[in-house]
Amino acid sequence: MEELLEDKELKKIPNLEQLLSLAVLPISCLIKHAAFEDEDECRMIYITNIADDNIVEPQDYQSSNSLYVEYTNVENYIDNIYLGPQCKLPHKLSLQNHFKKKQPGKQIKLIKSEVPLR
């Protein structure tokens, strides 16, 4: 992003930094900050359009980059689960059994990622 901010032609655009921040907002949840690389985590990604009524809009300028969706029981909406490359077989089997009991008719894909988390 710094390279874009230094481009002579792009510098002519007013509010360039704000526009770039908004442009990368939809994919910001896919990037893990290096300071947290050793933490276990779960990320849920809900793909929709910006006009979706489920999106909670910020109420002030400080939270303008914080769009989110309220959720209670997410299990009904899960289609795929991507497991980290270090995920052990017992954890994968535990997840499979959990979802088979909770949602007997629904097929949820458990996919082990080959991409390292670092």
PDB file of N, CA and C in Angstrom:
ATOM      1  N   MET A   1       0.824  -1.185   0.000  1.00  0.00           N
ATOM      2  CA  MET A   1       0.000   0.000   0.000  1.00  0.00           C
ATOM      3  C   MET A   1       0.875   1.257   0.000  1.00  0.00           C
ATOM      4  N   GLU A   2       2.017   1.179   0.654  1.00  0.00           N
ATOM      5  CA  GLU A   2       2.911   2.341   0.705  1.00  0.00           C
ATOM      6  C   GLU A   2       3.378   2.736  -0.691  1.00  0.00           C
ATOM      7  N   GLU A   3       3.611   1.752  -1.547  1.00  0.00           N
ATOM      8  CA  GLU A   3       4.040   2.048  -2.916  1.00  0.00           C
ATOM      9  C   GLU A   3       2.966   2.828  -3.665  1.00  0.00           C
ATOM     10  N   LEU A   4       1.718   2.463  -3.442  1.00  0.00           N
ATOM     11  CA  LEU A   4       0.625   3.173  -4.099  1.00  0.00           C
ATOM     12  C   LEU A   4       0.515   4.603  -3.599  1.00  0.00           C
ATOM     13  N   LEU A   5       0.766   4.798  -2.307  1.00  0.00           N
ATOM     14  CA  LEU A   5       0.689   6.145  -1.734  1.00  0.00           C
ATOM     15  C   LEU A   5       1.808   7.052  -2.244  1.00  0.00           C
ATOM     16  N   GLU A   6       2.895   6.470  -2.722  1.00  0.00           N
ATOM     17  CA  GLU A   6       4.026   7.250  -3.242  1.00  0.00           C
ATOM     18  C   GLU A   6       3.921   7.527  -4.743  1.00  0.00           C
ATOM     19  N   ASP A   7       3.012   6.877  -5.448  1.00  0.00           N
ATOM     20  CA  ASP A   7       2.864   7.048  -6.892  1.00  0.00           C
ATOM     21  C   ASP A   7       2.427   8.488  -7.195  1.00  0.00           C
ATOM     22  N   LYS A   8       3.143   9.158  -8.116  1.00  0.00           N
ATOM     23  CA  LYS A   8       2.880  10.565  -8.428  1.00  0.00           C
ATOM     24  C   LYS A   8       1.475  10.788  -8.977  1.00  0.00           C
ATOM     25  N   GLU A   9       1.035   9.922  -9.859  1.00  0.00           N
ATOM     26  CA  GLU A   9      -0.299  10.070 -10.443  1.00  0.00           C
ATOM     27  C   GLU A   9      -1.391   9.827  -9.404  1.00  0.00           C
ATOM     28  N   LEU A  10      -1.189   8.795  -8.571  1.00  0.00           N
ATOM     29  CA  LEU A  10      -2.193   8.480  -7.554  1.00  0.00           C
ATOM     30  C   LEU A  10      -2.255   9.534  -6.453  1.00  0.00           C
ATOM     31  N   LYS A  11      -1.151  10.231  -6.199  1.00  0.00           N
ATOM     32  CA  LYS A  11      -1.134  11.272  -5.170  1.00  0.00           C
ATOM     33  C   LYS A  11      -2.108  12.396  -5.490  1.00  0.00           C
ATOM     34  N   LYS A  12      -2.491  12.520  -6.752  1.00  0.00           N
ATOM     35  CA  LYS A  12      -3.436  13.566  -7.162  1.00  0.00           C
ATOM     36  C   LYS A  12      -4.861  13.278  -6.693  1.00  0.00           C
ATOM     37  N   ILE A  13      -5.126  12.046  -6.325  1.00  0.00           N
ATOM     38  CA  ILE A  13      -6.475  11.650  -5.891  1.00  0.00           C
ATOM     39  C   ILE A  13      -6.676  12.085  -4.442  1.00  0.00           C
ATOM     40  N   PRO A  14      -7.720  12.886  -4.189  1.00  0.00           N
ATOM     41  CA  PRO A  14      -7.986  13.282  -2.802  1.00  0.00           C
ATOM     42  C   PRO A  14      -8.433  12.067  -1.982  1.00  0.00           C
ATOM     43  N   ASN A  15      -8.034  12.022  -0.724  1.00  0.00           N
ATOM     44  CA  ASN A  15      -8.401  10.933   0.194  1.00  0.00           C
ATOM     45  C   ASN A  15      -7.925   9.567  -0.294  1.00  0.00           C
ATOM     46  N   LEU A  16      -6.766   9.518  -0.925  1.00  0.00           N
ATOM     47  CA  LEU A  16      -6.248   8.272  -1.483  1.00  0.00           C
ATOM     48  C   LEU A  16      -6.100   7.181  -0.423  1.00  0.00           C
ATOM     49  N   GLU A  17      -5.529   7.545   0.720  1.00  0.00           N
ATOM     50  CA  GLU A  17      -5.312   6.546   1.777  1.00  0.00           C
ATOM     51  C   GLU A  17      -6.634   5.948   2.250  1.00  0.00           C
ATOM     52  N   GLN A  18      -7.641   6.779   2.407  1.00  0.00           N
ATOM     53  CA  GLN A  18      -8.962   6.298   2.833  1.00  0.00           C
ATOM     54  C   GLN A  18      -9.580   5.395   1.766  1.00  0.00           C
ATOM     55  N   LEU A  19      -9.445   5.754   0.499  1.00  0.00           N
ATOM     56  CA  LEU A  19      -9.978   4.934  -0.589  1.00  0.00           C
ATOM     57  C   LEU A  19      -9.290   3.568  -0.645  1.00  0.00           C
ATOM     58  N   LEU A  20      -7.975   3.548  -0.461  1.00  0.00           N
ATOM     59  CA  LEU A  20      -7.241   2.284  -0.462  1.00  0.00           C
ATOM     60  C   LEU A  20      -7.649   1.404   0.718  1.00  0.00           C
ATOM     61  N   SER A  21      -7.841   2.016   1.869  1.00  0.00           N
ATOM     62  CA  SER A  21      -8.281   1.254   3.045  1.00  0.00           C
ATOM     63  C   SER A  21      -9.632   0.610   2.803  1.00  0.00           C
ATOM     64  N   LEU A  22     -10.529   1.355   2.192  1.00  0.00           N
ATOM     65  CA  LEU A  22     -11.849   0.799   1.875  1.00  0.00           C
ATOM     66  C   LEU A  22     -11.762  -0.306   0.822  1.00  0.00           C
ATOM     67  N   ALA A  23     -10.817  -0.157  -0.107  1.00  0.00           N
ATOM     68  CA  ALA A  23     -10.677  -1.152  -1.171  1.00  0.00           C
ATOM     69  C   ALA A  23     -10.206  -2.503  -0.637  1.00  0.00           C
ATOM     70  N   VAL A  24      -9.329  -2.486   0.366  1.00  0.00           N
ATOM     71  CA  VAL A  24      -8.820  -3.755   0.905  1.00  0.00           C
ATOM     72  C   VAL A  24      -9.647  -4.284   2.076  1.00  0.00           C
ATOM     73  N   LEU A  25     -10.621  -3.536   2.518  1.00  0.00           N
ATOM     74  CA  LEU A  25     -11.449  -3.963   3.643  1.00  0.00           C
ATOM     75  C   LEU A  25     -12.060  -5.354   3.447  1.00  0.00           C
ATOM     76  N   PRO A  26     -12.588  -5.672   2.269  1.00  0.00           N
ATOM     77  CA  PRO A  26     -13.209  -6.999   2.114  1.00  0.00           C
ATOM     78  C   PRO A  26     -12.249  -8.181   2.276  1.00  0.00           C
ATOM     79  N   ILE A  27     -10.958  -7.965   2.061  1.00  0.00           N
ATOM     80  CA  ILE A  27     -10.027  -9.081   2.194  1.00  0.00           C
ATOM     81  C   ILE A  27      -9.157  -8.971   3.444  1.00  0.00           C
ATOM     82  N   SER A  28      -9.368  -7.961   4.255  1.00  0.00           N
ATOM     83  CA  SER A  28      -8.520  -7.775   5.434  1.00  0.00           C
ATOM     84  C   SER A  28      -8.644  -8.926   6.417  1.00  0.00           C
ATOM     85  N   CYS A  29      -9.766  -9.609   6.450  1.00  0.00           N
ATOM     86  CA  CYS A  29      -9.946 -10.726   7.383  1.00  0.00           C
ATOM     87  C   CYS A  29      -9.143 -11.954   6.972  1.00  0.00           C
ATOM     88  N   LEU A  30      -8.611 -11.978   5.758  1.00  0.00           N
ATOM     89  CA  LEU A  30      -7.842 -13.122   5.285  1.00  0.00           C
ATOM     90  C   LEU A  30      -6.376 -13.045   5.687  1.00  0.00           C
ATOM     91  N   ILE A  31      -5.964 -11.916   6.200  1.00  0.00           N
ATOM     92  CA  ILE A  31      -4.557 -11.690   6.517  1.00  0.00           C
ATOM     93  C   ILE A  31      -4.383 -11.699   8.029  1.00  0.00           C
ATOM     94  N   LYS A  32      -3.450 -12.516   8.497  1.00  0.00           N
ATOM     95  CA  LYS A  32      -3.192 -12.612   9.926  1.00  0.00           C
ATOM     96  C   LYS A  32      -1.972 -11.763  10.282  1.00  0.00           C
ATOM     97  N   HIS A  33      -2.102 -10.928  11.286  1.00  0.00           N
ATOM     98  CA  HIS A  33      -0.994 -10.097  11.738  1.00  0.00           C
ATOM     99  C   HIS A  33       0.106 -10.990  12.302  1.00  0.00           C
ATOM    100  N   ALA A  34       1.344 -10.704  11.970  1.00  0.00           N
ATOM    101  CA  ALA A  34       2.487 -11.533  12.355  1.00  0.00           C
ATOM    102  C   ALA A  34       2.616 -11.683  13.872  1.00  0.00           C
ATOM    103  N   ALA A  35       2.189 -10.699  14.619  1.00  0.00           N
ATOM    104  CA  ALA A  35       2.298 -10.764  16.076  1.00  0.00           C
ATOM    105  C   ALA A  35       1.424 -11.868  16.680  1.00  0.00           C
ATOM    106  N   PHE A  36       0.438 -12.344  15.934  1.00  0.00           N
ATOM    107  CA  PHE A  36      -0.496 -13.340  16.449  1.00  0.00           C
ATOM    108  C   PHE A  36      -0.348 -14.692  15.752  1.00  0.00           C
ATOM    109  N   GLU A  37       0.807 -14.936  15.114  1.00  0.00           N
ATOM    110  CA  GLU A  37       0.963 -16.136  14.298  1.00  0.00           C
ATOM    111  C   GLU A  37       0.872 -17.436  15.087  1.00  0.00           C
ATOM    112  N   ASP A  38       1.160 -17.428  16.370  1.00  0.00           N
ATOM    113  CA  ASP A  38       1.134 -18.656  17.152  1.00  0.00           C
ATOM    114  C   ASP A  38      -0.210 -18.926  17.825  1.00  0.00           C
ATOM    115  N   GLU A  39      -1.143 -18.029  17.700  1.00  0.00           N
ATOM    116  CA  GLU A  39      -2.443 -18.212  18.342  1.00  0.00           C
ATOM    117  C   GLU A  39      -3.350 -19.119  17.526  1.00  0.00           C
ATOM    118  N   ASP A  40      -4.091 -19.977  18.229  1.00  0.00           N
ATOM    119  CA  ASP A  40      -5.148 -20.742  17.577  1.00  0.00           C
ATOM    120  C   ASP A  40      -6.295 -19.782  17.342  1.00  0.00           C
ATOM    121  N   GLU A  41      -7.003 -19.973  16.264  1.00  0.00           N
ATOM    122  CA  GLU A  41      -8.094 -19.053  15.977  1.00  0.00           C
ATOM    123  C   GLU A  41      -9.128 -19.690  15.070  1.00  0.00           C
ATOM    124  N   CYS A  42     -10.227 -19.032  15.007  1.00  0.00           N
ATOM    125  CA  CYS A  42     -11.299 -19.420  14.111  1.00  0.00           C
ATOM    126  C   CYS A  42     -11.769 -18.147  13.413  1.00  0.00           C
ATOM    127  N   ARG A  43     -11.847 -18.193  12.093  1.00  0.00           N
ATOM    128  CA  ARG A  43     -12.343 -17.039  11.329  1.00  0.00           C
ATOM    129  C   ARG A  43     -13.544 -17.489  10.522  1.00  0.00           C
ATOM    130  N   MET A  44     -14.558 -16.679  10.556  1.00  0.00           N
ATOM    131  CA  MET A  44     -15.743 -16.959   9.754  1.00  0.00           C
ATOM    132  C   MET A  44     -15.840 -15.885   8.684  1.00  0.00           C
ATOM    133  N   ILE A  45     -16.076 -16.308   7.464  1.00  0.00           N
ATOM    134  CA  ILE A  45     -16.173 -15.361   6.359  1.00  0.00           C
ATOM    135  C   ILE A  45     -17.554 -15.494   5.746  1.00  0.00           C
ATOM    136  N   TYR A  46     -18.254 -14.384   5.686  1.00  0.00           N
ATOM    137  CA  TYR A  46     -19.606 -14.322   5.137  1.00  0.00           C
ATOM    138  C   TYR A  46     -19.535 -13.465   3.881  1.00  0.00           C
ATOM    139  N   ILE A  47     -19.716 -14.077   2.730  1.00  0.00           N
ATOM    140  CA  ILE A  47     -19.598 -13.353   1.470  1.00  0.00           C
ATOM    141  C   ILE A  47     -20.980 -12.870   1.042  1.00  0.00           C
ATOM    142  N   THR A  48     -21.085 -11.565   0.846  1.00  0.00           N
ATOM    143  CA  THR A  48     -22.370 -10.970   0.492  1.00  0.00           C
ATOM    144  C   THR A  48     -22.094  -9.649  -0.230  1.00  0.00           C
ATOM    145  N   ASN A  49     -23.136  -8.846  -0.418  1.00  0.00           N
ATOM    146  CA  ASN A  49     -22.930  -7.527  -1.020  1.00  0.00           C
ATOM    147  C   ASN A  49     -23.071  -6.457   0.063  1.00  0.00           C
ATOM    148  N   ILE A  50     -22.589  -5.282  -0.218  1.00  0.00           N
ATOM    149  CA  ILE A  50     -22.534  -4.212   0.782  1.00  0.00           C
ATOM    150  C   ILE A  50     -23.918  -3.742   1.219  1.00  0.00           C
ATOM    151  N   ALA A  51     -24.942  -4.044   0.451  1.00  0.00           N
ATOM    152  CA  ALA A  51     -26.299  -3.617   0.799  1.00  0.00           C
ATOM    153  C   ALA A  51     -27.048  -4.653   1.645  1.00  0.00           C
ATOM    154  N   ASP A  52     -26.394  -5.720   2.036  1.00  0.00           N
ATOM    155  CA  ASP A  52     -27.025  -6.771   2.839  1.00  0.00           C
ATOM    156  C   ASP A  52     -27.522  -6.195   4.162  1.00  0.00           C
ATOM    157  N   ASP A  53     -28.779  -6.458   4.497  1.00  0.00           N
ATOM    158  CA  ASP A  53     -29.355  -5.941   5.742  1.00  0.00           C
ATOM    159  C   ASP A  53     -28.724  -6.549   6.993  1.00  0.00           C
ATOM    160  N   ASN A  54     -28.019  -7.670   6.854  1.00  0.00           N
ATOM    161  CA  ASN A  54     -27.371  -8.303   8.005  1.00  0.00           C
ATOM    162  C   ASN A  54     -26.095  -7.584   8.440  1.00  0.00           C
ATOM    163  N   ILE A  55     -25.568  -6.721   7.606  1.00  0.00           N
ATOM    164  CA  ILE A  55     -24.335  -6.014   7.938  1.00  0.00           C
ATOM    165  C   ILE A  55     -24.636  -4.880   8.911  1.00  0.00           C
ATOM    166  N   VAL A  56     -23.889  -4.871  10.006  1.00  0.00           N
ATOM    167  CA  VAL A  56     -24.016  -3.792  10.993  1.00  0.00           C
ATOM    168  C   VAL A  56     -23.057  -2.686  10.582  1.00  0.00           C
ATOM    169  N   GLU A  57     -23.613  -1.504  10.360  1.00  0.00           N
ATOM    170  CA  GLU A  57     -22.817  -0.372   9.892  1.00  0.00           C
ATOM    171  C   GLU A  57     -22.227   0.397  11.070  1.00  0.00           C
ATOM    172  N   PRO A  58     -21.063   0.991  10.865  1.00  0.00           N
ATOM    173  CA  PRO A  58     -20.451   1.784  11.935  1.00  0.00           C
ATOM    174  C   PRO A  58     -21.299   3.010  12.253  1.00  0.00           C
ATOM    175  N   GLN A  59     -21.259   3.403  13.524  1.00  0.00           N
ATOM    176  CA  GLN A  59     -22.048   4.557  13.962  1.00  0.00           C
ATOM    177  C   GLN A  59     -21.201   5.817  14.129  1.00  0.00           C
ATOM    178  N   ASP A  60     -19.872   5.657  14.076  1.00  0.00           N
ATOM    179  CA  ASP A  60     -19.001   6.822  14.211  1.00  0.00           C
ATOM    180  C   ASP A  60     -17.746   6.633  13.356  1.00  0.00           C
ATOM    181  N   TYR A  61     -16.980   7.668  13.225  1.00  0.00           N
ATOM    182  CA  TYR A  61     -15.799   7.641  12.349  1.00  0.00           C
ATOM    183  C   TYR A  61     -14.740   6.654  12.835  1.00  0.00           C
ATOM    184  N   GLN A  62     -14.539   6.540  14.157  1.00  0.00           N
ATOM    185  CA  GLN A  62     -13.506   5.653  14.693  1.00  0.00           C
ATOM    186  C   GLN A  62     -13.733   4.196  14.300  1.00  0.00           C
ATOM    187  N   SER A  63     -14.979   3.784  14.149  1.00  0.00           N
ATOM    188  CA  SER A  63     -15.260   2.383  13.807  1.00  0.00           C
ATOM    189  C   SER A  63     -15.647   2.235  12.340  1.00  0.00           C
ATOM    190  N   SER A  64     -15.264   3.189  11.504  1.00  0.00           N
ATOM    191  CA  SER A  64     -15.677   3.152  10.096  1.00  0.00           C
ATOM    192  C   SER A  64     -15.091   1.983   9.325  1.00  0.00           C
ATOM    193  N   ASN A  65     -14.025   1.368   9.831  1.00  0.00           N
ATOM    194  CA  ASN A  65     -13.482   0.196   9.141  1.00  0.00           C
ATOM    195  C   ASN A  65     -13.902  -1.110   9.816  1.00  0.00           C
ATOM    196  N   SER A  66     -14.977  -1.071  10.587  1.00  0.00           N
ATOM    197  CA  SER A  66     -15.447  -2.250  11.317  1.00  0.00           C
ATOM    198  C   SER A  66     -16.855  -2.629  10.912  1.00  0.00           C
ATOM    199  N   LEU A  67     -16.979  -3.295   9.796  1.00  0.00           N
ATOM    200  CA  LEU A  67     -18.270  -3.842   9.403  1.00  0.00           C
ATOM    201  C   LEU A  67     -18.341  -5.268   9.933  1.00  0.00           C
ATOM    202  N   TYR A  68     -19.498  -5.666  10.433  1.00  0.00           N
ATOM    203  CA  TYR A  68     -19.618  -7.026  10.927  1.00  0.00           C
ATOM    204  C   TYR A  68     -21.061  -7.509  10.815  1.00  0.00           C
ATOM    205  N   VAL A  69     -21.228  -8.800  11.006  1.00  0.00           N
ATOM    206  CA  VAL A  69     -22.535  -9.434  10.977  1.00  0.00           C
ATOM    207  C   VAL A  69     -22.767 -10.056  12.336  1.00  0.00           C
ATOM    208  N   GLU A  70     -23.880  -9.735  12.957  1.00  0.00           N
ATOM    209  CA  GLU A  70     -24.235 -10.355  14.233  1.00  0.00           C
ATOM    210  C   GLU A  70     -24.563 -11.819  13.973  1.00  0.00           C
ATOM    211  N   TYR A  71     -24.138 -12.683  14.855  1.00  0.00           N
ATOM    212  CA  TYR A  71     -24.468 -14.098  14.699  1.00  0.00           C
ATOM    213  C   TYR A  71     -24.722 -14.716  16.067  1.00  0.00           C
ATOM    214  N   THR A  72     -25.542 -15.729  16.079  1.00  0.00           N
ATOM    215  CA  THR A  72     -25.798 -16.477  17.309  1.00  0.00           C
ATOM    216  C   THR A  72     -25.463 -17.950  17.063  1.00  0.00           C
ATOM    217  N   ASN A  73     -26.209 -18.602  16.211  1.00  0.00           N
ATOM    218  CA  ASN A  73     -25.967 -20.005  15.922  1.00  0.00           C
ATOM    219  C   ASN A  73     -25.428 -20.121  14.502  1.00  0.00           C
ATOM    220  N   VAL A  74     -24.113 -20.127  14.366  1.00  0.00           N
ATOM    221  CA  VAL A  74     -23.500 -20.122  13.046  1.00  0.00           C
ATOM    222  C   VAL A  74     -23.495 -21.498  12.382  1.00  0.00           C
ATOM    223  N   GLU A  75     -23.713 -22.527  13.135  1.00  0.00           N
ATOM    224  CA  GLU A  75     -23.623 -23.880  12.588  1.00  0.00           C
ATOM    225  C   GLU A  75     -24.569 -24.098  11.408  1.00  0.00           C
ATOM    226  N   ASN A  76     -25.670 -23.396  11.378  1.00  0.00           N
ATOM    227  CA  ASN A  76     -26.625 -23.552  10.281  1.00  0.00           C
ATOM    228  C   ASN A  76     -26.111 -22.953   8.969  1.00  0.00           C
ATOM    229  N   TYR A  77     -25.099 -22.131   9.040  1.00  0.00           N
ATOM    230  CA  TYR A  77     -24.630 -21.407   7.869  1.00  0.00           C
ATOM    231  C   TYR A  77     -23.267 -21.873   7.359  1.00  0.00           C
ATOM    232  N   ILE A  78     -22.661 -22.840   8.019  1.00  0.00           N
ATOM    233  CA  ILE A  78     -21.326 -23.300   7.637  1.00  0.00           C
ATOM    234  C   ILE A  78     -21.419 -24.290   6.482  1.00  0.00           C
ATOM    235  N   ASP A  79     -20.635 -24.027   5.434  1.00  0.00           N
ATOM    236  CA  ASP A  79     -20.553 -24.933   4.287  1.00  0.00           C
ATOM    237  C   ASP A  79     -19.195 -25.624   4.225  1.00  0.00           C
ATOM    238  N   ASN A  80     -18.126 -24.875   4.517  1.00  0.00           N
ATOM    239  CA  ASN A  80     -16.766 -25.392   4.450  1.00  0.00           C
ATOM    240  C   ASN A  80     -16.015 -25.014   5.715  1.00  0.00           C
ATOM    241  N   ILE A  81     -15.129 -25.911   6.149  1.00  0.00           N
ATOM    242  CA  ILE A  81     -14.223 -25.613   7.247  1.00  0.00           C
ATOM    243  C   ILE A  81     -12.823 -25.907   6.739  1.00  0.00           C
ATOM    244  N   TYR A  82     -11.962 -24.898   6.786  1.00  0.00           N
ATOM    245  CA  TYR A  82     -10.580 -25.050   6.351  1.00  0.00           C
ATOM    246  C   TYR A  82      -9.710 -25.205   7.591  1.00  0.00           C
ATOM    247  N   LEU A  83      -9.040 -26.333   7.677  1.00  0.00           N
ATOM    248  CA  LEU A  83      -8.200 -26.637   8.820  1.00  0.00           C
ATOM    249  C   LEU A  83      -6.758 -26.245   8.511  1.00  0.00           C
ATOM    250  N   GLY A  84      -6.047 -25.810   9.523  1.00  0.00           N
ATOM    251  CA  GLY A  84      -4.641 -25.451   9.341  1.00  0.00           C
ATOM    252  C   GLY A  84      -3.801 -26.677   9.029  1.00  0.00           C
ATOM    253  N   PRO A  85      -2.629 -26.461   8.464  1.00  0.00           N
ATOM    254  CA  PRO A  85      -1.774 -27.582   8.063  1.00  0.00           C
ATOM    255  C   PRO A  85      -1.294 -28.439   9.238  1.00  0.00           C
ATOM    256  N   GLN A  86      -1.294 -27.885  10.444  1.00  0.00           N
ATOM    257  CA  GLN A  86      -0.847 -28.639  11.623  1.00  0.00           C
ATOM    258  C   GLN A  86      -1.994 -29.340  12.351  1.00  0.00           C
ATOM    259  N   CYS A  87      -3.201 -29.244  11.830  1.00  0.00           N
ATOM    260  CA  CYS A  87      -4.356 -29.859  12.476  1.00  0.00           C
ATOM    261  C   CYS A  87      -4.196 -31.385  12.491  1.00  0.00           C
ATOM    262  N   LYS A  88      -4.358 -31.969  13.651  1.00  0.00           N
ATOM    263  CA  LYS A  88      -4.196 -33.414  13.820  1.00  0.00           C
ATOM    264  C   LYS A  88      -5.505 -34.137  13.508  1.00  0.00           C
ATOM    265  N   LEU A  89      -5.388 -35.393  13.123  1.00  0.00           N
ATOM    266  CA  LEU A  89      -6.543 -36.203  12.746  1.00  0.00           C
ATOM    267  C   LEU A  89      -7.626 -36.262  13.831  1.00  0.00           C
ATOM    268  N   PRO A  90      -7.285 -36.411  15.120  1.00  0.00           N
ATOM    269  CA  PRO A  90      -8.350 -36.436  16.145  1.00  0.00           C
ATOM    270  C   PRO A  90      -9.223 -35.181  16.155  1.00  0.00           C
ATOM    271  N   HIS A  91      -8.609 -34.020  15.893  1.00  0.00           N
ATOM    272  CA  HIS A  91      -9.387 -32.773  15.852  1.00  0.00           C
ATOM    273  C   HIS A  91     -10.338 -32.782  14.649  1.00  0.00           C
ATOM    274  N   LYS A  92      -9.832 -33.247  13.515  1.00  0.00           N
ATOM    275  CA  LYS A  92     -10.662 -33.313  12.319  1.00  0.00           C
ATOM    276  C   LYS A  92     -11.840 -34.267  12.543  1.00  0.00           C
ATOM    277  N   LEU A  93     -11.572 -35.426  13.119  1.00  0.00           N
ATOM    278  CA  LEU A  93     -12.640 -36.398  13.389  1.00  0.00           C
ATOM    279  C   LEU A  93     -13.653 -35.845  14.393  1.00  0.00           C
ATOM    280  N   SER A  94     -13.160 -35.116  15.369  1.00  0.00           N
ATOM    281  CA  SER A  94     -14.050 -34.504  16.355  1.00  0.00           C
ATOM    282  C   SER A  94     -15.008 -33.519  15.692  1.00  0.00           C
ATOM    283  N   LEU A  95     -14.491 -32.703  14.778  1.00  0.00           N
ATOM    284  CA  LEU A  95     -15.341 -31.760  14.041  1.00  0.00           C
ATOM    285  C   LEU A  95     -16.365 -32.498  13.182  1.00  0.00           C
ATOM    286  N   GLN A  96     -15.915 -33.541  12.487  1.00  0.00           N
ATOM    287  CA  GLN A  96     -16.826 -34.311  11.640  1.00  0.00           C
ATOM    288  C   GLN A  96     -17.965 -34.886  12.468  1.00  0.00           C
ATOM    289  N   ASN A  97     -17.634 -35.488  13.610  1.00  0.00           N
ATOM    290  CA  ASN A  97     -18.659 -36.081  14.471  1.00  0.00           C
ATOM    291  C   ASN A  97     -19.608 -35.040  15.026  1.00  0.00           C
ATOM    292  N   HIS A  98     -19.063 -33.889  15.399  1.00  0.00           N
ATOM    293  CA  HIS A  98     -19.898 -32.815  15.940  1.00  0.00           C
ATOM    294  C   HIS A  98     -20.975 -32.396  14.941  1.00  0.00           C
ATOM    295  N   PHE A  99     -20.555 -32.155  13.698  1.00  0.00           N
ATOM    296  CA  PHE A  99     -21.513 -31.677  12.701  1.00  0.00           C
ATOM    297  C   PHE A  99     -22.459 -32.782  12.230  1.00  0.00           C
ATOM    298  N   LYS A 100     -22.034 -34.029  12.256  1.00  0.00           N
ATOM    299  CA  LYS A 100     -22.931 -35.132  11.898  1.00  0.00           C
ATOM    300  C   LYS A 100     -24.059 -35.263  12.920  1.00  0.00           C
ATOM    301  N   LYS A 101     -23.739 -35.027  14.197  1.00  0.00           N
ATOM    302  CA  LYS A 101     -24.755 -35.088  15.256  1.00  0.00           C
ATOM    303  C   LYS A 101     -25.684 -33.882  15.200  1.00  0.00           C
ATOM    304  N   LYS A 102     -25.107 -32.695  15.011  1.00  0.00           N
ATOM    305  CA  LYS A 102     -25.889 -31.452  15.000  1.00  0.00           C
ATOM    306  C   LYS A 102     -26.764 -31.312  13.767  1.00  0.00           C
ATOM    307  N   GLN A 103     -26.233 -31.711  12.606  1.00  0.00           N
ATOM    308  CA  GLN A 103     -26.935 -31.541  11.337  1.00  0.00           C
ATOM    309  C   GLN A 103     -26.794 -32.818  10.510  1.00  0.00           C
ATOM    310  N   PRO A 104     -27.592 -33.831  10.825  1.00  0.00           N
ATOM    311  CA  PRO A 104     -27.432 -35.133  10.184  1.00  0.00           C
ATOM    312  C   PRO A 104     -27.564 -35.112   8.656  1.00  0.00           C
ATOM    313  N   GLY A 105     -28.378 -34.258   8.089  1.00  0.00           N
ATOM    314  CA  GLY A 105     -28.595 -34.261   6.643  1.00  0.00           C
ATOM    315  C   GLY A 105     -27.653 -33.369   5.856  1.00  0.00           C
ATOM    316  N   LYS A 106     -26.941 -32.487   6.545  1.00  0.00           N
ATOM    317  CA  LYS A 106     -26.109 -31.511   5.850  1.00  0.00           C
ATOM    318  C   LYS A 106     -24.681 -32.021   5.710  1.00  0.00           C
ATOM    319  N   GLN A 107     -24.100 -31.813   4.543  1.00  0.00           N
ATOM    320  CA  GLN A 107     -22.715 -32.209   4.263  1.00  0.00           C
ATOM    321  C   GLN A 107     -21.814 -30.989   4.372  1.00  0.00           C
ATOM    322  N   ILE A 108     -20.929 -30.972   5.350  1.00  0.00           N
ATOM    323  CA  ILE A 108     -19.981 -29.881   5.521  1.00  0.00           C
ATOM    324  C   ILE A 108     -18.600 -30.401   5.132  1.00  0.00           C
ATOM    325  N   LYS A 109     -17.933 -29.673   4.251  1.00  0.00           N
ATOM    326  CA  LYS A 109     -16.608 -30.085   3.783  1.00  0.00           C
ATOM    327  C   LYS A 109     -15.541 -29.641   4.781  1.00  0.00           C
ATOM    328  N   LEU A 110     -14.705 -30.580   5.200  1.00  0.00           N
ATOM    329  CA  LEU A 110     -13.538 -30.273   6.019  1.00  0.00           C
ATOM    330  C   LEU A 110     -12.323 -30.367   5.110  1.00  0.00           C
ATOM    331  N   ILE A 111     -11.640 -29.251   4.930  1.00  0.00           N
ATOM    332  CA  ILE A 111     -10.528 -29.164   3.988  1.00  0.00           C
ATOM    333  C   ILE A 111      -9.265 -28.796   4.749  1.00  0.00           C
ATOM    334  N   LYS A 112      -8.244 -29.654   4.646  1.00  0.00           N
ATOM    335  CA  LYS A 112      -6.977 -29.360   5.319  1.00  0.00           C
ATOM    336  C   LYS A 112      -6.123 -28.515   4.389  1.00  0.00           C
ATOM    337  N   SER A 113      -5.759 -27.339   4.841  1.00  0.00           N
ATOM    338  CA  SER A 113      -4.972 -26.409   4.034  1.00  0.00           C
ATOM    339  C   SER A 113      -3.525 -26.857   3.960  1.00  0.00           C
ATOM    340  N   GLU A 114      -2.922 -26.611   2.826  1.00  0.00           N
ATOM    341  CA  GLU A 114      -1.490 -26.875   2.649  1.00  0.00           C
ATOM    342  C   GLU A 114      -0.680 -25.589   2.838  1.00  0.00           C
ATOM    343  N   VAL A 115      -1.357 -24.480   2.977  1.00  0.00           N
ATOM    344  CA  VAL A 115      -0.705 -23.174   3.097  1.00  0.00           C
ATOM    345  C   VAL A 115      -0.304 -22.959   4.547  1.00  0.00           C
ATOM    346  N   PRO A 116       0.972 -22.686   4.819  1.00  0.00           N
ATOM    347  CA  PRO A 116       1.388 -22.437   6.191  1.00  0.00           C
ATOM    348  C   PRO A 116       0.775 -21.139   6.720  1.00  0.00           C
ATOM    349  N   LEU A 117       0.582 -21.068   8.013  1.00  0.00           N
ATOM    350  CA  LEU A 117      -0.034 -19.889   8.615  1.00  0.00           C
ATOM    351  C   LEU A 117       0.934 -18.733   8.762  1.00  0.00           C
ATOM    352  N   ARG A 118       2.198 -18.947   8.525  1.00  0.00           N
ATOM    353  CA  ARG A 118       3.191 -17.876   8.660  1.00  0.00           C
ATOM    354  C   ARG A 118       3.420 -17.176   7.364  1.00  0.00           C
TER     355      ARG A 118
END
